[in-house]
């Protein structure tokens, strides 16, 4: 019945059955199609109910004259002009999407900031999830507050106070679906069309696009061996005002440089004097290998101008979309308002399970384990790069993070190395992907966190082979 109805509907839409045309009777159609007459009757009744056909008593069934029906002979032409895969109206321009990197089987992927999801304590999370559903199911599976589950907000506030020097309570914390949502919500709340936002260069493109979508004009500020060049930022501000500066000061993305204390204090003073916000993205705070992690800029923010963003996706897994924003209460209220119309709420059941794991200290234990594993992997990669590519690369061992930033002698060498490495079975990102205008650079980022010892040794051999082919 559905196939018959679908076929007749298509004939009308394509113009082969025109408004006013008579439809063959049910007996004739059933004989032509070799189906029971009642099947044809049901199909015709459905199209009458939808308004495609009309019945005239004792006369027959006809194609309806619909107001939106194209003129005679136009329907088929219209179908060619606007195929089913194309929207018929013009749409606003959109940025190039950030999509998962698909590589052939056997290829080693060293791009991005990928944690090793094989290390995820899935059994602990699963048990906690089942337990919370069993105990609080009706409440957790209904609508929740867009700010996040109060229990998780309290657990995050306690963690941030104990490990990051942020003296906050749960009212200053908003739970989001990953740090990208946190950045996007902050952009919506702070930025008006035409506002300038200063960003690190090279830097994190997904954040730039979130600011652009909010209407911002992106202003690149150079990054050197000490982090964001605050003096260059001052020179920019002398020419134009800015609304915010976006920084990754703990492990700058992509270079992994830690912003020096003198520059941090200078940036805080400048923001207070010139009245702009500092958006601090501390995306991998837990993975610092030198001394103790450097406390966030938000921990010494006396002027209340820092919006602090973090994530659990790097600690646990990207598929567990869990980020957070820490900010003064009035800004959090605005972020919650925006979130309520974008996403309504998060995942209360998952948030409750993670809150339980925080309270029991299990996430903290997992962090310590992963910090040790990633530190060992960083050392292995650094040692291998020195021994297998001694005169090809220069780099510094990062104080933390999940990747090593390397440089070759020039931009063309890096470009050639990336291409040859892909042929050899290793994919990583050249520095050009972290620039505003795809500017060629000699830098490249080699991610190590998601690779075990065996995979790192294989990657090093392939990287060395690729370098010899240039």
Protein backbone atom coordinates (compact mmCIF):
# COMPACT_ATOMS: atom_id res chain seq x y z
CA UNK A 1 0.00 0.00 0.00
CA UNK A 2 2.77 2.45 0.95
CA UNK A 3 4.67 1.74 -2.28
CA UNK A 4 1.58 2.49 -4.37
CA UNK A 5 0.87 5.71 -2.45
CA UNK A 6 4.54 6.75 -2.74
CA UNK A 7 4.53 6.12 -6.52
CA UNK A 8 1.34 8.12 -7.12
CA UNK A 9 2.64 10.95 -4.93
CA UNK A 10 5.88 11.05 -6.92
CA UNK A 11 3.97 11.13 -10.24
CA UNK A 12 2.05 14.18 -9.00
CA UNK A 13 5.17 15.94 -7.71
CA UNK A 14 7.02 15.34 -10.99
CA UNK A 15 4.10 16.72 -13.01
CA UNK A 16 3.30 13.51 -14.86
CA UNK A 17 -0.08 13.53 -13.12
CA UNK A 18 -1.33 17.13 -13.34
CA UNK A 19 -3.97 18.97 -11.27
CA UNK A 20 -7.39 17.88 -12.53
CA UNK A 21 -6.16 14.64 -14.12
CA UNK A 22 -8.35 11.65 -13.42
CA UNK A 23 -6.74 8.74 -11.58
CA UNK A 24 -7.50 5.24 -12.97
CA UNK A 25 -10.10 3.34 -10.96
CA UNK A 26 -9.13 0.93 -8.21
CA UNK A 27 -10.17 -2.16 -10.24
CA UNK A 28 -8.07 -1.09 -13.21
CA UNK A 29 -5.05 -0.19 -11.06
CA UNK A 30 -5.22 -3.45 -9.09
CA UNK A 31 -5.25 -5.41 -12.35
CA UNK A 32 -2.36 -3.39 -13.79
CA UNK A 33 -0.27 -3.77 -10.64
CA UNK A 34 -1.26 -7.34 -9.80
CA UNK A 35 -2.33 -6.53 -6.24
CA UNK A 36 -5.57 -6.88 -4.28
CA UNK A 37 -8.09 -4.11 -5.00
CA UNK A 38 -8.34 -3.23 -1.29
CA UNK A 39 -4.59 -2.43 -1.27
CA UNK A 40 -5.15 0.13 -4.06
CA UNK A 41 -8.22 1.55 -2.28
CA UNK A 42 -6.17 2.03 0.92
CA UNK A 43 -3.41 3.84 -1.00
CA UNK A 44 -5.91 6.17 -2.70
CA UNK A 45 -7.66 6.84 0.63
CA UNK A 46 -4.30 7.82 2.14
CA UNK A 47 -3.58 10.31 -0.67
CA UNK A 48 -7.09 11.74 -0.35
CA UNK A 49 -6.50 12.19 3.37
CA UNK A 50 -3.20 13.98 2.65
CA UNK A 51 -4.89 16.27 0.12
CA UNK A 52 -3.14 15.02 -3.02
CA UNK A 53 -6.36 13.56 -4.50
CA UNK A 54 -10.03 14.52 -4.38
CA UNK A 55 -13.10 12.40 -5.05
CA UNK A 56 -16.16 13.52 -6.97
CA UNK A 57 -19.19 11.40 -6.21
CA UNK A 58 -20.27 9.16 -9.13
CA UNK A 59 -17.53 10.75 -11.30
CA UNK A 60 -14.15 9.49 -10.05
CA UNK A 61 -10.91 10.45 -8.30
CA UNK A 62 -8.79 13.37 -9.52
CA UNK A 63 -5.47 15.08 -8.76
CA UNK A 64 -6.16 18.00 -6.42
CA UNK A 65 -5.47 21.60 -7.42
CA UNK A 66 -3.13 22.64 -4.63
CA UNK A 67 -2.26 26.36 -4.25
CA UNK A 68 1.50 25.65 -4.02
CA UNK A 69 1.51 23.31 -7.05
CA UNK A 70 3.87 24.64 -9.79
CA UNK A 71 2.36 25.73 -13.12
CA UNK A 72 1.78 23.32 -15.97
CA UNK A 73 5.03 21.66 -17.08
CA UNK A 74 7.13 23.43 -14.44
CA UNK A 75 7.39 20.64 -11.88
CA UNK A 76 9.83 18.40 -13.75
CA UNK A 77 12.04 21.38 -14.63
CA UNK A 78 11.98 22.48 -11.00
CA UNK A 79 13.16 19.04 -9.89
CA UNK A 80 16.18 19.23 -12.16
CA UNK A 81 17.11 22.68 -10.89
CA UNK A 82 16.80 21.75 -7.22
CA UNK A 83 17.82 18.11 -6.64
CA UNK A 84 16.79 16.44 -3.42
CA UNK A 85 20.29 16.92 -1.94
CA UNK A 86 20.12 20.73 -2.21
CA UNK A 87 18.12 23.15 -0.07
CA UNK A 88 16.08 25.39 -2.36
CA UNK A 89 16.89 28.67 -0.55
CA UNK A 90 20.19 30.43 -0.09
CA UNK A 91 21.83 29.88 3.29
CA UNK A 92 24.33 31.88 5.31
CA UNK A 93 28.03 31.00 4.92
CA UNK A 94 29.35 28.46 7.42
CA UNK A 95 32.88 27.71 8.60
CA UNK A 96 34.71 24.62 7.45
CA UNK A 97 33.58 21.96 9.96
CA UNK A 98 35.85 20.16 12.41
CA UNK A 99 35.26 16.51 11.51
CA UNK A 100 36.83 13.32 12.88
CA UNK A 101 40.02 12.40 11.03
CA UNK A 102 39.39 9.25 8.99
CA UNK A 103 42.56 7.36 8.13
CA UNK A 104 43.19 3.99 6.47
CA UNK A 105 43.58 0.94 8.67
CA UNK A 106 47.14 0.63 9.92
CA UNK A 107 47.82 4.36 9.81
CA UNK A 108 49.13 5.90 13.04
CA UNK A 109 47.27 9.07 13.96
CA UNK A 110 49.29 11.73 15.80
CA UNK A 111 47.02 14.74 15.21
CA UNK A 112 44.89 16.64 17.71
CA UNK A 113 44.89 16.21 21.49
CA UNK A 114 43.68 12.65 21.71
CA UNK A 115 43.64 10.87 25.06
CA UNK A 116 44.07 7.11 25.17
CA UNK A 117 40.46 5.98 25.53
CA UNK A 118 41.68 2.40 25.99
CA UNK A 119 42.71 3.42 29.50
CA UNK A 120 39.22 4.66 30.43
CA UNK A 121 37.89 3.01 33.61
CA UNK A 122 34.71 2.06 31.74
CA UNK A 123 33.69 -0.55 34.31
CA UNK A 124 33.75 2.02 37.13
CA UNK A 125 31.79 4.56 35.09
CA UNK A 126 29.32 1.89 34.01
CA UNK A 127 28.72 0.73 37.57
CA UNK A 128 28.29 4.29 38.82
CA UNK A 129 25.87 5.03 35.96
CA UNK A 130 23.75 1.95 36.66
CA UNK A 131 23.74 2.71 40.38
CA UNK A 132 22.58 6.30 39.89
CA UNK A 133 19.85 5.23 37.46
CA UNK A 134 18.67 2.60 39.91
CA UNK A 135 18.58 5.03 42.83
CA UNK A 136 17.52 8.30 41.19
CA UNK A 137 16.21 7.24 37.77
CA UNK A 138 12.90 9.18 37.58
CA UNK A 139 14.59 12.46 38.56
CA UNK A 140 17.70 12.01 36.42
CA UNK A 141 15.81 10.97 33.29
CA UNK A 142 13.48 13.95 33.38
CA UNK A 143 14.33 17.57 32.56
CA UNK A 144 17.24 19.01 34.49
CA UNK A 145 18.68 22.45 35.15
CA UNK A 146 20.70 23.93 32.26
CA UNK A 147 23.50 24.85 34.67
CA UNK A 148 24.19 21.18 35.32
CA UNK A 149 23.47 18.76 38.14
CA UNK A 150 24.07 20.55 41.49
CA UNK A 151 25.94 17.54 42.84
CA UNK A 152 28.48 17.65 39.99
CA UNK A 153 28.82 21.43 40.22
CA UNK A 154 29.69 21.01 43.89
CA UNK A 155 32.20 18.25 43.11
CA UNK A 156 33.85 20.39 40.43
CA UNK A 157 34.00 23.40 42.73
CA UNK A 158 35.68 21.27 45.41
CA UNK A 159 38.18 19.86 42.88
CA UNK A 160 39.01 23.30 41.49
CA UNK A 161 39.55 24.68 44.98
CA UNK A 162 41.78 21.78 46.02
CA UNK A 163 43.91 21.46 42.86
CA UNK A 164 43.76 24.76 40.97
CA UNK A 165 43.56 27.43 43.63
CA UNK A 166 40.11 28.63 42.60
CA UNK A 167 38.11 29.69 45.65
CA UNK A 168 34.68 29.11 44.11
CA UNK A 169 31.39 27.53 45.08
CA UNK A 170 28.93 25.65 42.89
CA UNK A 171 27.07 28.83 41.90
CA UNK A 172 30.16 29.96 39.97
CA UNK A 173 30.35 26.73 37.93
CA UNK A 174 28.41 25.86 34.79
CA UNK A 175 28.59 22.31 33.41
CA UNK A 176 28.68 22.08 29.60
CA UNK A 177 28.97 19.44 26.88
CA UNK A 178 32.72 19.76 26.48
CA UNK A 179 34.91 22.85 26.44
CA UNK A 180 33.81 23.82 22.92
CA UNK A 181 30.30 24.49 24.18
CA UNK A 182 31.81 26.47 27.04
CA UNK A 183 33.74 28.63 24.54
CA UNK A 184 30.68 29.10 22.31
CA UNK A 185 28.43 30.10 25.21
CA UNK A 186 31.05 32.55 26.50
CA UNK A 187 31.32 34.07 23.03
CA UNK A 188 27.56 34.55 22.83
CA UNK A 189 27.41 36.18 26.25
CA UNK A 190 30.40 38.53 25.89
CA UNK A 191 30.71 39.44 22.23
CA UNK A 192 28.67 41.80 20.09
CA UNK A 193 28.93 42.10 16.33
CA UNK A 194 32.12 43.95 15.39
CA UNK A 195 33.91 43.39 18.72
CA UNK A 196 37.59 42.49 18.44
CA UNK A 197 38.87 39.33 20.12
CA UNK A 198 42.64 38.83 20.41
CA UNK A 199 43.85 35.25 20.01
CA UNK A 200 47.16 33.41 20.18
CA UNK A 201 48.83 32.86 16.82
CA UNK A 202 49.38 30.06 16.04
CA UNK A 203 46.37 28.90 17.97
CA UNK A 204 43.15 26.93 18.30
CA UNK A 205 40.91 27.36 15.27
CA UNK A 206 37.66 25.94 16.79
CA UNK A 207 37.72 28.76 19.36
CA UNK A 208 38.31 31.35 16.63
CA UNK A 209 35.29 30.08 14.73
CA UNK A 210 33.10 30.24 17.85
CA UNK A 211 34.07 33.90 18.27
CA UNK A 212 33.49 34.63 14.57
CA UNK A 213 30.02 33.06 14.70
CA UNK A 214 29.25 35.45 17.56
CA UNK A 215 30.28 38.36 15.33
CA UNK A 216 33.85 38.93 16.46
CA UNK A 217 36.74 40.31 14.47
CA UNK A 218 39.73 38.01 15.17
CA UNK A 219 43.03 39.75 15.94
CA UNK A 220 46.11 37.44 15.96
CA UNK A 221 48.83 38.00 18.58
CA UNK A 222 52.23 36.35 18.19
CA UNK A 223 53.29 33.45 20.41
CA UNK A 224 56.99 33.00 21.16
CA UNK A 225 59.02 30.85 23.55
CA UNK A 226 57.48 32.64 26.55
CA UNK A 227 53.86 32.37 25.42
CA UNK A 228 51.53 35.13 24.24
CA UNK A 229 53.46 38.33 23.43
CA UNK A 230 51.73 40.75 25.80
CA UNK A 231 53.76 43.72 24.52
CA UNK A 232 52.40 43.12 21.01
CA UNK A 233 48.91 42.94 22.50
CA UNK A 234 49.51 46.34 24.13
CA UNK A 235 50.51 47.81 20.77
CA UNK A 236 47.33 46.45 19.21
CA UNK A 237 45.18 47.91 22.01
CA UNK A 238 46.80 51.31 21.47
CA UNK A 239 45.25 51.29 17.97
CA UNK A 240 41.88 49.67 18.72
CA UNK A 241 39.87 48.41 21.67
CA UNK A 242 39.31 44.70 22.20
CA UNK A 243 36.52 42.91 23.98
CA UNK A 244 38.41 39.79 25.05
CA UNK A 245 41.64 37.83 24.69
CA UNK A 246 41.57 34.05 24.36
CA UNK A 247 44.58 32.22 25.82
CA UNK A 248 45.74 28.68 26.62
CA UNK A 249 48.45 29.69 29.12
CA UNK A 250 49.22 26.38 30.81
CA UNK A 251 50.20 24.46 27.65
CA UNK A 252 49.69 26.79 24.70
CA UNK A 253 47.85 25.16 21.83
CA UNK A 254 49.56 24.08 19.61
CA UNK A 255 53.13 24.91 20.75
CA UNK A 256 52.75 23.63 24.39
CA UNK A 257 54.67 26.69 25.73
CA UNK A 258 53.74 27.77 29.27
CA UNK A 259 52.97 31.48 29.61
CA UNK A 260 55.53 32.98 32.01
CA UNK A 261 54.44 34.44 35.33
CA UNK A 262 55.59 37.94 34.38
CA UNK A 263 53.48 37.85 31.24
CA UNK A 264 50.50 36.45 33.14
CA UNK A 265 50.62 39.32 35.63
CA UNK A 266 51.14 41.85 32.83
CA UNK A 267 48.11 40.44 30.97
CA UNK A 268 45.94 40.60 34.09
CA UNK A 269 46.99 44.24 34.72
CA UNK A 270 46.34 45.19 31.10
CA UNK A 271 42.89 43.56 31.11
CA UNK A 272 41.93 45.40 34.30
CA UNK A 273 43.17 48.75 32.91
CA UNK A 274 41.62 48.41 29.45
CA UNK A 275 38.46 46.58 30.55
CA UNK A 276 38.58 43.46 28.44
CA UNK A 277 37.92 39.84 29.42
CA UNK A 278 40.48 37.06 29.58
CA UNK A 279 39.08 33.73 28.39
CA UNK A 280 41.44 31.14 29.88
CA UNK A 281 41.15 27.70 28.30
CA UNK A 282 42.91 25.21 30.59
CA UNK A 283 42.14 22.20 28.42
CA UNK A 284 44.76 19.77 29.83
CA UNK A 285 45.65 21.12 33.26
CA UNK A 286 46.06 17.64 34.75
CA UNK A 287 48.93 16.64 32.47
CA UNK A 288 51.91 18.67 33.68
CA UNK A 289 55.18 16.76 34.02
CA UNK A 290 57.74 19.18 35.40
CA UNK A 291 57.13 20.53 38.86
CA UNK A 292 53.63 21.16 40.12
CA UNK A 293 51.12 22.49 37.56
CA UNK A 294 51.15 26.26 37.21
CA UNK A 295 48.02 27.62 38.84
CA UNK A 296 45.50 29.20 36.47
CA UNK A 297 45.39 32.93 35.91
CA UNK A 298 41.87 32.78 37.33
CA UNK A 299 43.36 31.84 40.71
CA UNK A 300 44.94 35.32 41.05
CA UNK A 301 42.18 37.28 39.31
CA UNK A 302 41.30 40.09 41.71
CA UNK A 303 39.47 42.20 39.12
CA UNK A 304 36.98 39.44 38.21
CA UNK A 305 37.80 39.60 34.49
CA UNK A 306 38.83 35.96 33.83
CA UNK A 307 36.43 33.39 32.41
CA UNK A 308 37.97 30.00 33.19
CA UNK A 309 37.18 27.00 30.96
CA UNK A 310 38.11 23.37 31.54
CA UNK A 311 37.15 19.88 30.43
CA UNK A 312 37.02 16.27 31.55
CA UNK A 313 37.06 15.01 27.96
CA UNK A 314 40.87 14.86 27.93
CA UNK A 315 40.96 13.19 31.35
CA UNK A 316 38.38 10.53 30.46
CA UNK A 317 37.38 10.37 26.78
CA UNK A 318 36.18 12.74 24.04
CA UNK A 319 32.92 10.81 23.85
CA UNK A 320 32.15 11.86 27.43
CA UNK A 321 31.19 15.43 26.63
CA UNK A 322 31.88 17.14 29.93
CA UNK A 323 33.31 20.64 30.22
CA UNK A 324 32.78 23.54 32.57
CA UNK A 325 32.97 27.32 32.91
CA UNK A 326 33.98 29.17 36.08
CA UNK A 327 33.04 32.86 36.20
CA UNK A 328 31.39 35.46 38.44
CA UNK A 329 27.81 34.55 39.27
CA UNK A 330 26.14 37.21 37.10
CA UNK A 331 28.00 35.98 34.01
CA UNK A 332 27.18 32.35 34.85
CA UNK A 333 23.49 33.33 34.94
CA UNK A 334 23.74 34.75 31.41
CA UNK A 335 25.57 31.65 30.18
CA UNK A 336 22.83 29.48 31.70
CA UNK A 337 20.20 31.55 29.87
CA UNK A 338 21.90 31.00 26.52
CA UNK A 339 22.45 27.32 27.24
CA UNK A 340 18.75 26.86 28.09
CA UNK A 341 17.78 27.82 24.53
CA UNK A 342 20.56 25.89 22.80
CA UNK A 343 20.72 22.57 24.62
CA UNK A 344 18.10 22.76 27.42
CA UNK A 345 20.31 20.68 29.73
CA UNK A 346 23.17 18.24 29.86
CA UNK A 347 23.06 14.55 30.76
CA UNK A 348 21.96 14.43 34.43
CA UNK A 349 22.46 10.66 34.74
CA UNK A 350 26.05 10.81 33.49
CA UNK A 351 26.72 13.93 35.55
CA UNK A 352 25.48 12.15 38.67
CA UNK A 353 27.70 9.13 37.97
CA UNK A 354 30.78 11.34 37.49
CA UNK A 355 29.95 13.30 40.64
CA UNK A 356 29.96 10.01 42.57
CA UNK A 357 33.35 9.08 41.09
CA UNK A 358 34.73 12.49 42.11
CA UNK A 359 33.40 12.08 45.65
CA UNK A 360 35.02 8.65 45.93
CA UNK A 361 38.35 9.94 44.57
CA UNK A 362 38.30 7.57 41.59
CA UNK A 363 38.64 10.25 38.90
CA UNK A 364 41.54 11.79 40.81
CA UNK A 365 43.22 8.36 40.93
CA UNK A 366 42.68 7.93 37.18
CA UNK A 367 44.27 11.36 36.59
CA UNK A 368 47.40 10.36 38.49
CA UNK A 369 47.66 7.13 36.52
CA UNK A 370 47.26 8.87 33.15
CA UNK A 371 49.73 11.62 34.07
CA UNK A 372 52.39 8.98 34.69
CA UNK A 373 51.56 7.10 31.47
CA UNK A 374 51.60 10.23 29.31
CA UNK A 375 54.83 11.47 30.86
CA UNK A 376 56.51 8.17 29.96
CA UNK A 377 55.17 8.36 26.41
CA UNK A 378 56.39 11.93 26.01
CA UNK A 379 59.88 10.87 27.13
CA UNK A 380 59.87 7.92 24.74
CA UNK A 381 58.87 10.10 21.79
CA UNK A 382 61.39 12.82 22.65
CA UNK A 383 64.23 10.30 23.01
CA UNK A 384 63.28 8.63 19.74
CA UNK A 385 63.11 11.92 17.83
CA UNK A 386 66.60 12.85 19.05
CA UNK A 387 68.10 9.49 18.10
CA UNK A 388 66.31 8.86 14.78
CA UNK A 389 66.04 12.42 13.41
CA UNK A 390 69.04 14.14 15.06
CA UNK A 391 69.75 16.76 12.40
CA UNK A 392 66.26 17.06 11.01
CA UNK A 393 64.27 18.52 13.91
CA UNK A 394 64.63 20.87 16.81
CA UNK A 395 62.28 20.92 19.79
CA UNK A 396 62.03 21.32 23.54
CA UNK A 397 60.50 18.69 25.76
CA UNK A 398 57.16 20.15 26.83
CA UNK A 399 56.48 20.73 30.52
CA UNK A 400 53.13 19.08 29.99
CA UNK A 401 50.38 18.28 27.53
CA UNK A 402 49.76 15.52 25.02
CA UNK A 403 51.99 16.53 22.09
CA UNK A 404 55.47 17.76 21.15
CA UNK A 405 55.89 20.86 18.96
CA UNK A 406 58.79 20.42 16.54
CA UNK A 407 60.43 22.54 13.85
CA UNK A 408 62.29 21.63 10.69
CA UNK A 409 64.69 23.92 8.84
CA UNK A 410 61.93 25.62 6.80
CA UNK A 411 58.25 25.52 5.86
CA UNK A 412 58.74 23.55 2.62
CA UNK A 413 60.61 20.83 4.51
CA UNK A 414 57.75 20.49 6.99
CA UNK A 415 55.19 20.34 4.18
CA UNK A 416 57.18 17.64 2.40
CA UNK A 417 57.65 15.69 5.63
CA UNK A 418 53.91 15.69 6.35
CA UNK A 419 53.19 14.35 2.85
CA UNK A 420 55.87 11.65 2.98
CA UNK A 421 54.82 10.64 6.49
CA UNK A 422 51.25 10.15 5.32
CA UNK A 423 52.54 7.87 2.57
CA UNK A 424 54.56 5.98 5.19
CA UNK A 425 51.49 5.57 7.42
CA UNK A 426 51.68 8.41 9.96
CA UNK A 427 49.31 11.39 10.01
CA UNK A 428 50.09 14.55 11.98
CA UNK A 429 49.43 18.29 11.66
CA UNK A 430 51.74 20.83 10.09
CA UNK A 431 51.82 24.24 11.75
CA UNK A 432 49.89 25.77 8.87
CA UNK A 433 46.60 24.36 10.19
CA UNK A 434 46.98 26.48 13.33
CA UNK A 435 47.32 29.80 11.47
CA UNK A 436 44.60 32.23 10.41
CA UNK A 437 45.33 32.24 6.70
CA UNK A 438 46.93 28.81 6.28
CA UNK A 439 50.35 30.44 6.42
CA UNK A 440 53.14 27.92 5.80
CA UNK A 441 55.39 27.44 8.84
CA UNK A 442 58.26 25.18 9.81
CA UNK A 443 56.38 23.89 12.88
CA UNK A 444 54.45 20.66 13.35
CA UNK A 445 52.59 19.01 16.22
CA UNK A 446 53.16 15.35 17.10
CA UNK A 447 50.57 13.90 19.47
CA UNK A 448 51.69 10.99 21.64
CA UNK A 449 49.05 10.46 24.35
CA UNK A 450 46.86 8.01 22.42
CA UNK A 451 49.79 5.77 21.36
CA UNK A 452 51.29 2.98 23.44
CA UNK A 453 54.99 2.04 23.45
CA UNK A 454 54.73 -0.29 20.47
CA UNK A 455 52.80 2.27 18.41
CA UNK A 456 55.26 5.04 19.27
CA UNK A 457 58.22 2.95 18.14
CA UNK A 458 56.43 2.21 14.86
CA UNK A 459 55.58 5.90 14.42
CA UNK A 460 59.21 6.93 14.97
CA UNK A 461 60.44 4.50 12.33
CA UNK A 462 57.92 5.81 9.81
CA UNK A 463 58.69 9.45 10.63
CA UNK A 464 62.40 8.79 10.10
CA UNK A 465 61.70 7.00 6.82
CA UNK A 466 59.59 9.94 5.63
CA UNK A 467 62.36 12.41 6.52
CA UNK A 468 64.88 10.46 4.45
CA UNK A 469 62.61 10.66 1.39
CA UNK A 470 62.55 14.45 1.27
